């Protein structure tokens, strides 16, 4: 994406879909190996309010899902070696 005189931006569309925005937060938290406390603060900042219990649980569920997805990628990559 070209942005006038500000330069060029690249967008990674690998996981683009209409889905739960908490999946994006989980992906960031897990991909960068952030702790549960960091993820909880991140969720609070994203929501601009304290997270409800169901929201915090959903984030943790998405974090587990993303860890499983990464494990599958590692199996795939290891299988190609």
Protein backbone atom coordinates (compact mmCIF):
# COMPACT_ATOMS: atom_id res chain seq x y z
CA UNK A 1 0.00 0.00 0.00
CA UNK A 2 1.50 3.31 -1.01
CA UNK A 3 0.83 6.16 1.38
CA UNK A 4 1.69 9.43 -0.36
CA UNK A 5 5.03 10.72 0.81
CA UNK A 6 5.04 8.43 3.89
CA UNK A 7 6.29 5.45 1.95
CA UNK A 8 5.28 1.93 1.15
CA UNK A 9 3.55 -0.49 3.52
CA UNK A 10 3.36 -4.26 3.12
CA UNK A 11 0.32 -6.12 4.42
CA UNK A 12 0.45 -9.83 5.23
CA UNK A 13 -2.90 -11.37 4.27
CA UNK A 14 -2.13 -14.92 5.45
CA UNK A 15 -4.90 -15.00 8.08
CA UNK A 16 -7.29 -12.47 6.54
CA UNK A 17 -10.89 -13.42 7.13
CA UNK A 18 -13.98 -12.23 8.86
CA UNK A 19 -13.46 -13.71 12.27
CA UNK A 20 -12.98 -13.08 15.94
CA UNK A 21 -10.70 -10.08 16.50
CA UNK A 22 -9.41 -11.83 19.61
CA UNK A 23 -7.74 -14.35 17.30
CA UNK A 24 -5.54 -11.51 16.04
CA UNK A 25 -4.65 -10.53 19.62
CA UNK A 26 -3.91 -14.18 20.44
CA UNK A 27 -1.70 -14.50 17.38
CA UNK A 28 0.34 -11.46 18.39
CA UNK A 29 0.64 -12.66 21.99
CA UNK A 30 1.70 -16.19 21.09
CA UNK A 31 3.86 -15.38 18.10
CA UNK A 32 5.93 -12.98 20.18
CA UNK A 33 5.98 -15.33 23.20
CA UNK A 34 4.23 -12.91 25.53
CA UNK A 35 3.05 -14.04 28.96
CA UNK A 36 -0.57 -14.37 30.04
CA UNK A 37 -0.24 -11.17 32.09
CA UNK A 38 0.96 -9.27 29.03
CA UNK A 39 -1.91 -10.68 26.96
CA UNK A 40 -4.44 -9.65 29.62
CA UNK A 41 -3.09 -6.08 29.61
CA UNK A 42 -3.08 -6.11 25.80
CA UNK A 43 -6.75 -7.20 25.80
CA UNK A 44 -7.60 -4.45 28.29
CA UNK A 45 -5.92 -1.84 26.07
CA UNK A 46 -7.66 -3.21 22.96
CA UNK A 47 -11.10 -3.16 24.57
CA UNK A 48 -10.40 0.18 26.29
CA UNK A 49 -11.98 -1.32 29.42
CA UNK A 50 -11.39 -4.30 31.69
CA UNK A 51 -12.10 -7.58 29.91
CA UNK A 52 -15.09 -9.64 30.91
CA UNK A 53 -14.37 -13.17 32.06
CA UNK A 54 -15.78 -14.63 28.83
CA UNK A 55 -13.53 -12.36 26.73
CA UNK A 56 -10.41 -13.31 28.69
CA UNK A 57 -11.31 -16.99 28.38
CA UNK A 58 -11.90 -16.59 24.64
CA UNK A 59 -8.48 -14.99 24.24
CA UNK A 60 -6.87 -17.89 26.12
CA UNK A 61 -8.75 -20.37 23.90
CA UNK A 62 -7.49 -18.61 20.76
CA UNK A 63 -3.96 -18.62 22.18
CA UNK A 64 -4.14 -22.42 22.62
CA UNK A 65 -5.57 -22.76 19.11
CA UNK A 66 -2.73 -20.70 17.67
CA UNK A 67 -0.12 -22.79 19.53
CA UNK A 68 -1.66 -25.89 17.92
CA UNK A 69 -1.54 -24.20 14.53
CA UNK A 70 2.14 -23.38 15.02
CA UNK A 71 2.84 -26.98 16.03
CA UNK A 72 1.25 -28.16 12.78
CA UNK A 73 3.39 -25.72 10.80
CA UNK A 74 6.49 -27.04 12.57
CA UNK A 75 5.53 -30.60 11.68
CA UNK A 76 5.06 -29.53 8.07
CA UNK A 77 8.38 -27.69 7.96
CA UNK A 78 10.24 -30.54 9.70
CA UNK A 79 8.71 -32.98 7.22
CA UNK A 80 10.15 -31.01 4.32
CA UNK A 81 13.71 -31.17 5.65
